[in-house]
Amino acid sequence: MTDATNDDAPVLELLAQMTADSFEASTLDLQTLMLVRVAALVAVDAAPVSYALNLDVGGDVGLDAENLRGVLTAIAPIVGTARVAAATANIVKALAAEIALDDLEIALLEEDDDDEQS
């Protein structure tokens, strides 16, 4: 494990290590683990960035919109419609932020290409 105090982003490094440790310690398959994490995010009324980080990993292990709808539907009677509605809004915000960041990255790459060609 790297020394998080020497990293440029010690909190992100710590979160990444905690996530990796939970993956190793869990007996769940990765898709199920990510679905449980999404359910937990809904239960704690997590911020959009939390969804973004987890949905990114979820996408890597094969989760899709149908899986997310299934989780939201399954937990709605427990957490309530207000939490599910708030989670849906936060998921949309997270996805919109990801798209905006991708667009910015593309624009910066194109700008660098233009500068190199000049």
PDB file of N, CA and C in Angstrom:
ATOM      1  N   MET A   1       0.837  -1.178   0.000  1.00  0.00           N
ATOM      2  CA  MET A   1       0.000   0.000   0.000  1.00  0.00           C
ATOM      3  C   MET A   1       0.882   1.242   0.000  1.00  0.00           C
ATOM      4  N   THR A   2       0.481   2.253  -0.760  1.00  0.00           N
ATOM      5  CA  THR A   2       1.272   3.478  -0.791  1.00  0.00           C
ATOM      6  C   THR A   2       1.006   4.293   0.457  1.00  0.00           C
ATOM      7  N   ASP A   3       1.935   5.179   0.776  1.00  0.00           N
ATOM      8  CA  ASP A   3       1.778   6.070   1.914  1.00  0.00           C
ATOM      9  C   ASP A   3       0.868   7.214   1.504  1.00  0.00           C
ATOM     10  N   ALA A   4      -0.365   7.211   1.993  1.00  0.00           N
ATOM     11  CA  ALA A   4      -1.365   8.200   1.594  1.00  0.00           C
ATOM     12  C   ALA A   4      -0.976   9.610   2.000  1.00  0.00           C
ATOM     13  N   THR A   5      -0.128   9.765   3.016  1.00  0.00           N
ATOM     14  CA  THR A   5       0.249  11.105   3.441  1.00  0.00           C
ATOM     15  C   THR A   5       1.180  11.776   2.443  1.00  0.00           C
ATOM     16  N   ASN A   6       1.841  11.017   1.598  1.00  0.00           N
ATOM     17  CA  ASN A   6       2.745  11.583   0.601  1.00  0.00           C
ATOM     18  C   ASN A   6       2.088  11.755  -0.755  1.00  0.00           C
ATOM     19  N   ASP A   7       0.878  11.321  -0.904  1.00  0.00           N
ATOM     20  CA  ASP A   7       0.156  11.381  -2.164  1.00  0.00           C
ATOM     21  C   ASP A   7      -0.427  12.778  -2.360  1.00  0.00           C
ATOM     22  N   ASP A   8      -0.647  13.152  -3.623  1.00  0.00           N
ATOM     23  CA  ASP A   8      -1.277  14.433  -3.915  1.00  0.00           C
ATOM     24  C   ASP A   8      -2.750  14.443  -3.541  1.00  0.00           C
ATOM     25  N   ALA A   9      -3.363  13.282  -3.454  1.00  0.00           N
ATOM     26  CA  ALA A   9      -4.782  13.160  -3.123  1.00  0.00           C
ATOM     27  C   ALA A   9      -4.955  12.097  -2.039  1.00  0.00           C
ATOM     28  N   PRO A  10      -4.555  12.397  -0.807  1.00  0.00           N
ATOM     29  CA  PRO A  10      -4.554  11.361   0.228  1.00  0.00           C
ATOM     30  C   PRO A  10      -5.940  10.795   0.539  1.00  0.00           C
ATOM     31  N   VAL A  11      -6.967  11.605   0.476  1.00  0.00           N
ATOM     32  CA  VAL A  11      -8.316  11.107   0.770  1.00  0.00           C
ATOM     33  C   VAL A  11      -8.768  10.144  -0.323  1.00  0.00           C
ATOM     34  N   LEU A  12      -8.525  10.509  -1.582  1.00  0.00           N
ATOM     35  CA  LEU A  12      -8.898   9.617  -2.676  1.00  0.00           C
ATOM     36  C   LEU A  12      -8.122   8.313  -2.614  1.00  0.00           C
ATOM     37  N   GLU A  13      -6.863   8.397  -2.263  1.00  0.00           N
ATOM     38  CA  GLU A  13      -6.040   7.200  -2.126  1.00  0.00           C
ATOM     39  C   GLU A  13      -6.584   6.309  -1.012  1.00  0.00           C
ATOM     40  N   LEU A  14      -6.955   6.911   0.103  1.00  0.00           N
ATOM     41  CA  LEU A  14      -7.514   6.152   1.214  1.00  0.00           C
ATOM     42  C   LEU A  14      -8.824   5.481   0.816  1.00  0.00           C
ATOM     43  N   LEU A  15      -9.696   6.215   0.137  1.00  0.00           N
ATOM     44  CA  LEU A  15     -10.963   5.643  -0.312  1.00  0.00           C
ATOM     45  C   LEU A  15     -10.736   4.503  -1.301  1.00  0.00           C
ATOM     46  N   ALA A  16      -9.807   4.677  -2.197  1.00  0.00           N
ATOM     47  CA  ALA A  16      -9.508   3.624  -3.164  1.00  0.00           C
ATOM     48  C   ALA A  16      -9.002   2.375  -2.455  1.00  0.00           C
ATOM     49  N   GLN A  17      -8.148   2.548  -1.456  1.00  0.00           N
ATOM     50  CA  GLN A  17      -7.622   1.398  -0.709  1.00  0.00           C
ATOM     51  C   GLN A  17      -8.727   0.719   0.088  1.00  0.00           C
ATOM     52  N   MET A  18      -9.606   1.512   0.701  1.00  0.00           N
ATOM     53  CA  MET A  18     -10.723   0.932   1.459  1.00  0.00           C
ATOM     54  C   MET A  18     -11.640   0.134   0.533  1.00  0.00           C
ATOM     55  N   THR A  19     -11.874   0.660  -0.661  1.00  0.00           N
ATOM     56  CA  THR A  19     -12.713  -0.040  -1.636  1.00  0.00           C
ATOM     57  C   THR A  19     -12.062  -1.346  -2.070  1.00  0.00           C
ATOM     58  N   ALA A  20     -10.794  -1.292  -2.373  1.00  0.00           N
ATOM     59  CA  ALA A  20     -10.076  -2.511  -2.771  1.00  0.00           C
ATOM     60  C   ALA A  20     -10.107  -3.547  -1.654  1.00  0.00           C
ATOM     61  N   ASP A  21      -9.911  -3.098  -0.423  1.00  0.00           N
ATOM     62  CA  ASP A  21      -9.947  -4.015   0.711  1.00  0.00           C
ATOM     63  C   ASP A  21     -11.326  -4.644   0.870  1.00  0.00           C
ATOM     64  N   SER A  22     -12.391  -3.855   0.660  1.00  0.00           N
ATOM     65  CA  SER A  22     -13.744  -4.406   0.804  1.00  0.00           C
ATOM     66  C   SER A  22     -14.032  -5.413  -0.308  1.00  0.00           C
ATOM     67  N   PHE A  23     -13.517  -5.179  -1.503  1.00  0.00           N
ATOM     68  CA  PHE A  23     -13.689  -6.140  -2.592  1.00  0.00           C
ATOM     69  C   PHE A  23     -13.030  -7.472  -2.229  1.00  0.00           C
ATOM     70  N   GLU A  24     -11.829  -7.392  -1.691  1.00  0.00           N
ATOM     71  CA  GLU A  24     -11.095  -8.610  -1.325  1.00  0.00           C
ATOM     72  C   GLU A  24     -11.771  -9.355  -0.176  1.00  0.00           C
ATOM     73  N   ALA A  25     -12.319  -8.619   0.781  1.00  0.00           N
ATOM     74  CA  ALA A  25     -12.891  -9.240   1.986  1.00  0.00           C
ATOM     75  C   ALA A  25     -14.285  -9.816   1.747  1.00  0.00           C
ATOM     76  N   SER A  26     -14.990  -9.306   0.753  1.00  0.00           N
ATOM     77  CA  SER A  26     -16.362  -9.736   0.522  1.00  0.00           C
ATOM     78  C   SER A  26     -16.419 -11.097  -0.168  1.00  0.00           C
ATOM     79  N   THR A  27     -17.458 -11.841   0.150  1.00  0.00           N
ATOM     80  CA  THR A  27     -17.689 -13.116  -0.528  1.00  0.00           C
ATOM     81  C   THR A  27     -18.646 -12.954  -1.704  1.00  0.00           C
ATOM     82  N   LEU A  28     -19.118 -11.730  -1.939  1.00  0.00           N
ATOM     83  CA  LEU A  28     -20.037 -11.467  -3.047  1.00  0.00           C
ATOM     84  C   LEU A  28     -19.273 -11.345  -4.359  1.00  0.00           C
ATOM     85  N   ASP A  29     -19.943 -11.707  -5.459  1.00  0.00           N
ATOM     86  CA  ASP A  29     -19.337 -11.438  -6.759  1.00  0.00           C
ATOM     87  C   ASP A  29     -19.344  -9.920  -6.977  1.00  0.00           C
ATOM     88  N   LEU A  30     -18.524  -9.439  -7.891  1.00  0.00           N
ATOM     89  CA  LEU A  30     -18.343  -7.996  -8.049  1.00  0.00           C
ATOM     90  C   LEU A  30     -19.621  -7.269  -8.437  1.00  0.00           C
ATOM     91  N   GLN A  31     -20.448  -7.856  -9.305  1.00  0.00           N
ATOM     92  CA  GLN A  31     -21.700  -7.192  -9.680  1.00  0.00           C
ATOM     93  C   GLN A  31     -22.619  -7.049  -8.476  1.00  0.00           C
ATOM     94  N   THR A  32     -22.775  -8.114  -7.715  1.00  0.00           N
ATOM     95  CA  THR A  32     -23.631  -8.049  -6.529  1.00  0.00           C
ATOM     96  C   THR A  32     -23.080  -7.054  -5.526  1.00  0.00           C
ATOM     97  N   LEU A  33     -21.785  -7.059  -5.340  1.00  0.00           N
ATOM     98  CA  LEU A  33     -21.156  -6.116  -4.416  1.00  0.00           C
ATOM     99  C   LEU A  33     -21.445  -4.675  -4.823  1.00  0.00           C
ATOM    100  N   MET A  34     -21.344  -4.382  -6.104  1.00  0.00           N
ATOM    101  CA  MET A  34     -21.603  -3.016  -6.560  1.00  0.00           C
ATOM    102  C   MET A  34     -23.079  -2.656  -6.405  1.00  0.00           C
ATOM    103  N   LEU A  35     -23.980  -3.602  -6.621  1.00  0.00           N
ATOM    104  CA  LEU A  35     -25.406  -3.332  -6.422  1.00  0.00           C
ATOM    105  C   LEU A  35     -25.699  -3.043  -4.951  1.00  0.00           C
ATOM    106  N   VAL A  36     -25.064  -3.778  -4.060  1.00  0.00           N
ATOM    107  CA  VAL A  36     -25.227  -3.527  -2.626  1.00  0.00           C
ATOM    108  C   VAL A  36     -24.682  -2.146  -2.274  1.00  0.00           C
ATOM    109  N   ARG A  37     -23.571  -1.786  -2.866  1.00  0.00           N
ATOM    110  CA  ARG A  37     -22.996  -0.448  -2.597  1.00  0.00           C
ATOM    111  C   ARG A  37     -23.927   0.658  -3.069  1.00  0.00           C
ATOM    112  N   VAL A  38     -24.539   0.469  -4.236  1.00  0.00           N
ATOM    113  CA  VAL A  38     -25.498   1.471  -4.722  1.00  0.00           C
ATOM    114  C   VAL A  38     -26.676   1.559  -3.756  1.00  0.00           C
ATOM    115  N   ALA A  39     -27.166   0.426  -3.290  1.00  0.00           N
ATOM    116  CA  ALA A  39     -28.271   0.433  -2.321  1.00  0.00           C
ATOM    117  C   ALA A  39     -27.869   1.191  -1.051  1.00  0.00           C
ATOM    118  N   ALA A  40     -26.646   0.986  -0.608  1.00  0.00           N
ATOM    119  CA  ALA A  40     -26.166   1.694   0.582  1.00  0.00           C
ATOM    120  C   ALA A  40     -26.063   3.196   0.321  1.00  0.00           C
ATOM    121  N   LEU A  41     -25.634   3.576  -0.867  1.00  0.00           N
ATOM    122  CA  LEU A  41     -25.566   4.998  -1.204  1.00  0.00           C
ATOM    123  C   LEU A  41     -26.946   5.638  -1.133  1.00  0.00           C
ATOM    124  N   VAL A  42     -27.942   4.934  -1.631  1.00  0.00           N
ATOM    125  CA  VAL A  42     -29.318   5.445  -1.557  1.00  0.00           C
ATOM    126  C   VAL A  42     -29.720   5.599  -0.096  1.00  0.00           C
ATOM    127  N   ALA A  43     -29.433   4.598   0.709  1.00  0.00           N
ATOM    128  CA  ALA A  43     -29.848   4.602   2.114  1.00  0.00           C
ATOM    129  C   ALA A  43     -29.240   5.752   2.900  1.00  0.00           C
ATOM    130  N   VAL A  44     -28.013   6.155   2.551  1.00  0.00           N
ATOM    131  CA  VAL A  44     -27.362   7.245   3.287  1.00  0.00           C
ATOM    132  C   VAL A  44     -27.520   8.600   2.600  1.00  0.00           C
ATOM    133  N   ASP A  45     -28.307   8.637   1.521  1.00  0.00           N
ATOM    134  CA  ASP A  45     -28.541   9.879   0.769  1.00  0.00           C
ATOM    135  C   ASP A  45     -27.219  10.485   0.289  1.00  0.00           C
ATOM    136  N   ALA A  46     -26.462   9.667  -0.408  1.00  0.00           N
ATOM    137  CA  ALA A  46     -25.118  10.040  -0.856  1.00  0.00           C
ATOM    138  C   ALA A  46     -25.143  11.154  -1.901  1.00  0.00           C
ATOM    139  N   ALA A  47     -24.031  11.842  -1.986  1.00  0.00           N
ATOM    140  CA  ALA A  47     -23.836  12.912  -2.959  1.00  0.00           C
ATOM    141  C   ALA A  47     -23.574  12.335  -4.348  1.00  0.00           C
ATOM    142  N   PRO A  48     -23.815  13.142  -5.385  1.00  0.00           N
ATOM    143  CA  PRO A  48     -23.581  12.661  -6.752  1.00  0.00           C
ATOM    144  C   PRO A  48     -22.181  12.106  -6.994  1.00  0.00           C
ATOM    145  N   VAL A  49     -21.169  12.692  -6.384  1.00  0.00           N
ATOM    146  CA  VAL A  49     -19.798  12.206  -6.620  1.00  0.00           C
ATOM    147  C   VAL A  49     -19.640  10.770  -6.133  1.00  0.00           C
ATOM    148  N   SER A  50     -20.329  10.399  -5.074  1.00  0.00           N
ATOM    149  CA  SER A  50     -20.265   9.017  -4.589  1.00  0.00           C
ATOM    150  C   SER A  50     -20.856   8.062  -5.618  1.00  0.00           C
ATOM    151  N   TYR A  51     -21.965   8.477  -6.220  1.00  0.00           N
ATOM    152  CA  TYR A  51     -22.551   7.652  -7.280  1.00  0.00           C
ATOM    153  C   TYR A  51     -21.606   7.566  -8.471  1.00  0.00           C
ATOM    154  N   ALA A  52     -20.998   8.688  -8.833  1.00  0.00           N
ATOM    155  CA  ALA A  52     -20.092   8.700  -9.987  1.00  0.00           C
ATOM    156  C   ALA A  52     -18.955   7.706  -9.788  1.00  0.00           C
ATOM    157  N   LEU A  53     -18.347   7.734  -8.625  1.00  0.00           N
ATOM    158  CA  LEU A  53     -17.220   6.835  -8.359  1.00  0.00           C
ATOM    159  C   LEU A  53     -17.652   5.380  -8.399  1.00  0.00           C
ATOM    160  N   ASN A  54     -18.791   5.078  -7.808  1.00  0.00           N
ATOM    161  CA  ASN A  54     -19.247   3.694  -7.745  1.00  0.00           C
ATOM    162  C   ASN A  54     -19.836   3.215  -9.062  1.00  0.00           C
ATOM    163  N   LEU A  55     -20.521   4.088  -9.783  1.00  0.00           N
ATOM    164  CA  LEU A  55     -21.070   3.676 -11.074  1.00  0.00           C
ATOM    165  C   LEU A  55     -19.968   3.453 -12.100  1.00  0.00           C
ATOM    166  N   ASP A  56     -18.884   4.186 -11.961  1.00  0.00           N
ATOM    167  CA  ASP A  56     -17.737   3.970 -12.846  1.00  0.00           C
ATOM    168  C   ASP A  56     -17.203   2.554 -12.668  1.00  0.00           C
ATOM    169  N   VAL A  57     -17.005   2.165 -11.432  1.00  0.00           N
ATOM    170  CA  VAL A  57     -16.553   0.798 -11.146  1.00  0.00           C
ATOM    171  C   VAL A  57     -17.643  -0.201 -11.542  1.00  0.00           C
ATOM    172  N   GLY A  58     -18.898   0.133 -11.243  1.00  0.00           N
ATOM    173  CA  GLY A  58     -20.003  -0.744 -11.608  1.00  0.00           C
ATOM    174  C   GLY A  58     -20.053  -1.023 -13.095  1.00  0.00           C
ATOM    175  N   GLY A  59     -19.820   0.001 -13.884  1.00  0.00           N
ATOM    176  CA  GLY A  59     -19.782  -0.180 -15.337  1.00  0.00           C
ATOM    177  C   GLY A  59     -18.668  -1.113 -15.758  1.00  0.00           C
ATOM    178  N   ASP A  60     -17.555  -1.039 -15.055  1.00  0.00           N
ATOM    179  CA  ASP A  60     -16.417  -1.912 -15.367  1.00  0.00           C
ATOM    180  C   ASP A  60     -16.731  -3.383 -15.097  1.00  0.00           C
ATOM    181  N   VAL A  61     -17.660  -3.645 -14.167  1.00  0.00           N
ATOM    182  CA  VAL A  61     -17.995  -5.043 -13.845  1.00  0.00           C
ATOM    183  C   VAL A  61     -19.305  -5.478 -14.486  1.00  0.00           C
ATOM    184  N   GLY A  62     -19.835  -4.636 -15.390  1.00  0.00           N
ATOM    185  CA  GLY A  62     -20.982  -5.052 -16.183  1.00  0.00           C
ATOM    186  C   GLY A  62     -22.345  -4.575 -15.724  1.00  0.00           C
ATOM    187  N   LEU A  63     -22.404  -3.692 -14.736  1.00  0.00           N
ATOM    188  CA  LEU A  63     -23.713  -3.171 -14.330  1.00  0.00           C
ATOM    189  C   LEU A  63     -24.252  -2.257 -15.416  1.00  0.00           C
ATOM    190  N   ASP A  64     -25.563  -2.264 -15.572  1.00  0.00           N
ATOM    191  CA  ASP A  64     -26.196  -1.391 -16.553  1.00  0.00           C
ATOM    192  C   ASP A  64     -27.425  -0.727 -15.930  1.00  0.00           C
ATOM    193  N   ALA A  65     -28.134   0.049 -16.726  1.00  0.00           N
ATOM    194  CA  ALA A  65     -29.298   0.791 -16.232  1.00  0.00           C
ATOM    195  C   ALA A  65     -30.365  -0.148 -15.684  1.00  0.00           C
ATOM    196  N   GLU A  66     -30.519  -1.301 -16.300  1.00  0.00           N
ATOM    197  CA  GLU A  66     -31.524  -2.265 -15.825  1.00  0.00           C
ATOM    198  C   GLU A  66     -31.181  -2.757 -14.420  1.00  0.00           C
ATOM    199  N   ASN A  67     -29.904  -3.009 -14.160  1.00  0.00           N
ATOM    200  CA  ASN A  67     -29.482  -3.419 -12.813  1.00  0.00           C
ATOM    201  C   ASN A  67     -29.803  -2.332 -11.793  1.00  0.00           C
ATOM    202  N   LEU A  68     -29.508  -1.085 -12.167  1.00  0.00           N
ATOM    203  CA  LEU A  68     -29.768   0.027 -11.250  1.00  0.00           C
ATOM    204  C   LEU A  68     -31.254   0.173 -10.972  1.00  0.00           C
ATOM    205  N   ARG A  69     -32.066   0.079 -12.013  1.00  0.00           N
ATOM    206  CA  ARG A  69     -33.525   0.145 -11.809  1.00  0.00           C
ATOM    207  C   ARG A  69     -33.981  -0.978 -10.887  1.00  0.00           C
ATOM    208  N   GLY A  70     -33.423  -2.147 -11.058  1.00  0.00           N
ATOM    209  CA  GLY A  70     -33.779  -3.277 -10.203  1.00  0.00           C
ATOM    210  C   GLY A  70     -33.469  -3.015  -8.743  1.00  0.00           C
ATOM    211  N   VAL A  71     -32.298  -2.452  -8.473  1.00  0.00           N
ATOM    212  CA  VAL A  71     -31.929  -2.131  -7.091  1.00  0.00           C
ATOM    213  C   VAL A  71     -32.851  -1.064  -6.527  1.00  0.00           C
ATOM    214  N   LEU A  72     -33.078  -0.009  -7.294  1.00  0.00           N
ATOM    215  CA  LEU A  72     -33.936   1.073  -6.800  1.00  0.00           C
ATOM    216  C   LEU A  72     -35.346   0.569  -6.525  1.00  0.00           C
ATOM    217  N   THR A  73     -35.848  -0.297  -7.374  1.00  0.00           N
ATOM    218  CA  THR A  73     -37.174  -0.871  -7.189  1.00  0.00           C
ATOM    219  C   THR A  73     -37.203  -1.767  -5.945  1.00  0.00           C
ATOM    220  N   ALA A  74     -36.158  -2.552  -5.766  1.00  0.00           N
ATOM    221  CA  ALA A  74     -36.112  -3.485  -4.631  1.00  0.00           C
ATOM    222  C   ALA A  74     -36.044  -2.772  -3.288  1.00  0.00           C
ATOM    223  N   ILE A  75     -35.329  -1.652  -3.224  1.00  0.00           N
ATOM    224  CA  ILE A  75     -35.148  -0.990  -1.930  1.00  0.00           C
ATOM    225  C   ILE A  75     -36.179   0.097  -1.651  1.00  0.00           C
ATOM    226  N   ALA A  76     -36.956   0.487  -2.650  1.00  0.00           N
ATOM    227  CA  ALA A  76     -37.941   1.569  -2.458  1.00  0.00           C
ATOM    228  C   ALA A  76     -38.867   1.337  -1.265  1.00  0.00           C
ATOM    229  N   PRO A  77     -39.405   0.133  -1.063  1.00  0.00           N
ATOM    230  CA  PRO A  77     -40.295  -0.053   0.089  1.00  0.00           C
ATOM    231  C   PRO A  77     -39.586   0.124   1.438  1.00  0.00           C
ATOM    232  N   ILE A  78     -38.276  -0.055   1.455  1.00  0.00           N
ATOM    233  CA  ILE A  78     -37.512   0.056   2.698  1.00  0.00           C
ATOM    234  C   ILE A  78     -37.068   1.494   2.944  1.00  0.00           C
ATOM    235  N   VAL A  79     -36.479   2.132   1.945  1.00  0.00           N
ATOM    236  CA  VAL A  79     -35.918   3.474   2.134  1.00  0.00           C
ATOM    237  C   VAL A  79     -36.920   4.579   1.823  1.00  0.00           C
ATOM    238  N   GLY A  80     -37.956   4.259   1.049  1.00  0.00           N
ATOM    239  CA  GLY A  80     -38.979   5.247   0.729  1.00  0.00           C
ATOM    240  C   GLY A  80     -38.779   5.894  -0.625  1.00  0.00           C
ATOM    241  N   THR A  81     -39.889   6.400  -1.134  1.00  0.00           N
ATOM    242  CA  THR A  81     -39.845   7.003  -2.464  1.00  0.00           C
ATOM    243  C   THR A  81     -39.017   8.272  -2.502  1.00  0.00           C
ATOM    244  N   ALA A  82     -38.988   9.029  -1.413  1.00  0.00           N
ATOM    245  CA  ALA A  82     -38.202  10.273  -1.409  1.00  0.00           C
ATOM    246  C   ALA A  82     -36.715   9.976  -1.579  1.00  0.00           C
ATOM    247  N   ARG A  83     -36.225   8.951  -0.894  1.00  0.00           N
ATOM    248  CA  ARG A  83     -34.809   8.588  -1.029  1.00  0.00           C
ATOM    249  C   ARG A  83     -34.507   8.072  -2.431  1.00  0.00           C
ATOM    250  N   VAL A  84     -35.407   7.285  -2.991  1.00  0.00           N
ATOM    251  CA  VAL A  84     -35.184   6.752  -4.339  1.00  0.00           C
ATOM    252  C   VAL A  84     -35.217   7.885  -5.357  1.00  0.00           C
ATOM    253  N   ALA A  85     -36.146   8.830  -5.194  1.00  0.00           N
ATOM    254  CA  ALA A  85     -36.205   9.973  -6.105  1.00  0.00           C
ATOM    255  C   ALA A  85     -34.939  10.821  -5.988  1.00  0.00           C
ATOM    256  N   ALA A  86     -34.484  11.058  -4.765  1.00  0.00           N
ATOM    257  CA  ALA A  86     -33.252  11.838  -4.568  1.00  0.00           C
ATOM    258  C   ALA A  86     -32.056  11.098  -5.164  1.00  0.00           C
ATOM    259  N   ALA A  87     -32.021   9.790  -4.984  1.00  0.00           N
ATOM    260  CA  ALA A  87     -30.919   8.995  -5.546  1.00  0.00           C
ATOM    261  C   ALA A  87     -30.927   9.063  -7.062  1.00  0.00           C
ATOM    262  N   THR A  88     -32.110   8.969  -7.647  1.00  0.00           N
ATOM    263  CA  THR A  88     -32.207   9.044  -9.106  1.00  0.00           C
ATOM    264  C   THR A  88     -31.684  10.393  -9.606  1.00  0.00           C
ATOM    265  N   ALA A  89     -32.061  11.454  -8.917  1.00  0.00           N
ATOM    266  CA  ALA A  89     -31.568  12.789  -9.294  1.00  0.00           C
ATOM    267  C   ALA A  89     -30.053  12.873  -9.145  1.00  0.00           C
ATOM    268  N   ASN A  90     -29.518  12.300  -8.079  1.00  0.00           N
ATOM    269  CA  ASN A  90     -28.069  12.338  -7.875  1.00  0.00           C
ATOM    270  C   ASN A  90     -27.322  11.483  -8.890  1.00  0.00           C
ATOM    271  N   ILE A  91     -27.936  10.381  -9.303  1.00  0.00           N
ATOM    272  CA  ILE A  91     -27.327   9.553 -10.352  1.00  0.00           C
ATOM    273  C   ILE A  91     -27.292  10.329 -11.669  1.00  0.00           C
ATOM    274  N   VAL A  92     -28.378  11.019 -11.981  1.00  0.00           N
ATOM    275  CA  VAL A  92     -28.418  11.833 -13.205  1.00  0.00           C
ATOM    276  C   VAL A  92     -27.357  12.929 -13.141  1.00  0.00           C
ATOM    277  N   LYS A  93     -27.227  13.585 -11.986  1.00  0.00           N
ATOM    278  CA  LYS A  93     -26.197  14.623 -11.829  1.00  0.00           C
ATOM    279  C   LYS A  93     -24.802  14.031 -12.005  1.00  0.00           C
ATOM    280  N   ALA A  94     -24.594  12.852 -11.447  1.00  0.00           N
ATOM    281  CA  ALA A  94     -23.281  12.202 -11.562  1.00  0.00           C
ATOM    282  C   ALA A  94     -22.961  11.883 -13.014  1.00  0.00           C
ATOM    283  N   LEU A  95     -23.943  11.340 -13.725  1.00  0.00           N
ATOM    284  CA  LEU A  95     -23.724  11.008 -15.131  1.00  0.00           C
ATOM    285  C   LEU A  95     -23.512  12.265 -15.969  1.00  0.00           C
ATOM    286  N   ALA A  96     -24.257  13.324 -15.675  1.00  0.00           N
ATOM    287  CA  ALA A  96     -24.081  14.585 -16.400  1.00  0.00           C
ATOM    288  C   ALA A  96     -22.686  15.158 -16.158  1.00  0.00           C
ATOM    289  N   ALA A  97     -22.210  15.067 -14.924  1.00  0.00           N
ATOM    290  CA  ALA A  97     -20.862  15.555 -14.615  1.00  0.00           C
ATOM    291  C   ALA A  97     -19.806  14.742 -15.353  1.00  0.00           C
ATOM    292  N   GLU A  98     -20.004  13.431 -15.434  1.00  0.00           N
ATOM    293  CA  GLU A  98     -19.072  12.572 -16.172  1.00  0.00           C
ATOM    294  C   GLU A  98     -19.028  12.959 -17.649  1.00  0.00           C
ATOM    295  N   ILE A  99     -20.189  13.217 -18.215  1.00  0.00           N
ATOM    296  CA  ILE A  99     -20.259  13.624 -19.626  1.00  0.00           C
ATOM    297  C   ILE A  99     -19.558  14.960 -19.812  1.00  0.00           C
ATOM    298  N   ALA A 100     -19.805  15.901 -18.905  1.00  0.00           N
ATOM    299  CA  ALA A 100     -19.159  17.210 -19.003  1.00  0.00           C
ATOM    300  C   ALA A 100     -17.643  17.088 -18.898  1.00  0.00           C
ATOM    301  N   LEU A 101     -17.171  16.234 -17.995  1.00  0.00           N
ATOM    302  CA  LEU A 101     -15.726  16.041 -17.862  1.00  0.00           C
ATOM    303  C   LEU A 101     -15.132  15.398 -19.108  1.00  0.00           C
ATOM    304  N   ASP A 102     -15.851  14.440 -19.678  1.00  0.00           N
ATOM    305  CA  ASP A 102     -15.389  13.819 -20.925  1.00  0.00           C
ATOM    306  C   ASP A 102     -15.316  14.852 -22.044  1.00  0.00           C
ATOM    307  N   ASP A 103     -16.339  15.705 -22.142  1.00  0.00           N
ATOM    308  CA  ASP A 103     -16.346  16.760 -23.164  1.00  0.00           C
ATOM    309  C   ASP A 103     -15.175  17.724 -22.963  1.00  0.00           C
ATOM    310  N   LEU A 104     -14.906  18.076 -21.702  1.00  0.00           N
ATOM    311  CA  LEU A 104     -13.791  18.974 -21.406  1.00  0.00           C
ATOM    312  C   LEU A 104     -12.467  18.329 -21.784  1.00  0.00           C
ATOM    313  N   GLU A 105     -12.322  17.063 -21.472  1.00  0.00           N
ATOM    314  CA  GLU A 105     -11.092  16.350 -21.818  1.00  0.00           C
ATOM    315  C   GLU A 105     -10.889  16.311 -23.331  1.00  0.00           C
ATOM    316  N   ILE A 106     -11.946  16.053 -24.061  1.00  0.00           N
ATOM    317  CA  ILE A 106     -11.866  16.033 -25.527  1.00  0.00           C
ATOM    318  C   ILE A 106     -11.475  17.411 -26.052  1.00  0.00           C
ATOM    319  N   ALA A 107     -12.096  18.454 -25.509  1.00  0.00           N
ATOM    320  CA  ALA A 107     -11.789  19.818 -25.943  1.00  0.00           C
ATOM    321  C   ALA A 107     -10.331  20.165 -25.664  1.00  0.00           C
ATOM    322  N   LEU A 108      -9.823  19.753 -24.502  1.00  0.00           N
ATOM    323  CA  LEU A 108      -8.430  20.032 -24.168  1.00  0.00           C
ATOM    324  C   LEU A 108      -7.476  19.272 -25.080  1.00  0.00           C
ATOM    325  N   LEU A 109      -7.820  18.032 -25.403  1.00  0.00           N
ATOM    326  CA  LEU A 109      -6.987  17.257 -26.322  1.00  0.00           C
ATOM    327  C   LEU A 109      -6.974  17.879 -27.712  1.00  0.00           C
ATOM    328  N   GLU A 110      -8.133  18.333 -28.160  1.00  0.00           N
ATOM    329  CA  GLU A 110      -8.212  18.984 -29.465  1.00  0.00           C
ATOM    330  C   GLU A 110      -7.424  20.287 -29.468  1.00  0.00           C
ATOM    331  N   GLU A 111      -7.470  21.021 -28.356  1.00  0.00           N
ATOM    332  CA  GLU A 111      -6.715  22.264 -28.237  1.00  0.00           C
ATOM    333  C   GLU A 111      -5.216  21.981 -28.290  1.00  0.00           C
ATOM    334  N   ASP A 112      -4.777  20.922 -27.614  1.00  0.00           N
ATOM    335  CA  ASP A 112      -3.365  20.535 -27.641  1.00  0.00           C
ATOM    336  C   ASP A 112      -2.939  20.152 -29.052  1.00  0.00           C
ATOM    337  N   ASP A 113      -3.798  19.424 -29.767  1.00  0.00           N
ATOM    338  CA  ASP A 113      -3.498  19.040 -31.152  1.00  0.00           C
ATOM    339  C   ASP A 113      -3.364  20.271 -32.025  1.00  0.00           C
ATOM    340  N   ASP A 114      -4.273  21.244 -31.851  1.00  0.00           N
ATOM    341  CA  ASP A 114      -4.211  22.477 -32.630  1.00  0.00           C
ATOM    342  C   ASP A 114      -2.930  23.244 -32.350  1.00  0.00           C
ATOM    343  N   ASP A 115      -2.527  23.279 -31.048  1.00  0.00           N
ATOM    344  CA  ASP A 115      -1.296  23.976 -30.679  1.00  0.00           C
ATOM    345  C   ASP A 115      -0.064  23.303 -31.293  1.00  0.00           C
ATOM    346  N   GLU A 116      -0.073  21.976 -31.324  1.00  0.00           N
ATOM    347  CA  GLU A 116       1.068  21.257 -31.898  1.00  0.00           C
ATOM    348  C   GLU A 116       1.155  21.454 -33.398  1.00  0.00           C
ATOM    349  N   GLN A 117       0.020  21.618 -34.067  1.00  0.00           N
ATOM    350  CA  GLN A 117       0.005  21.789 -35.513  1.00  0.00           C
ATOM    351  C   GLN A 117       0.361  23.222 -35.922  1.00  0.00           C
ATOM    352  N   SER A 118       0.291  24.138 -34.976  1.00  0.00           N
ATOM    353  CA  SER A 118       0.590  25.546 -35.296  1.00  0.00           C
ATOM    354  C   SER A 118       2.059  25.813 -35.374  1.00  0.00           C
TER     355      SER A 118
END
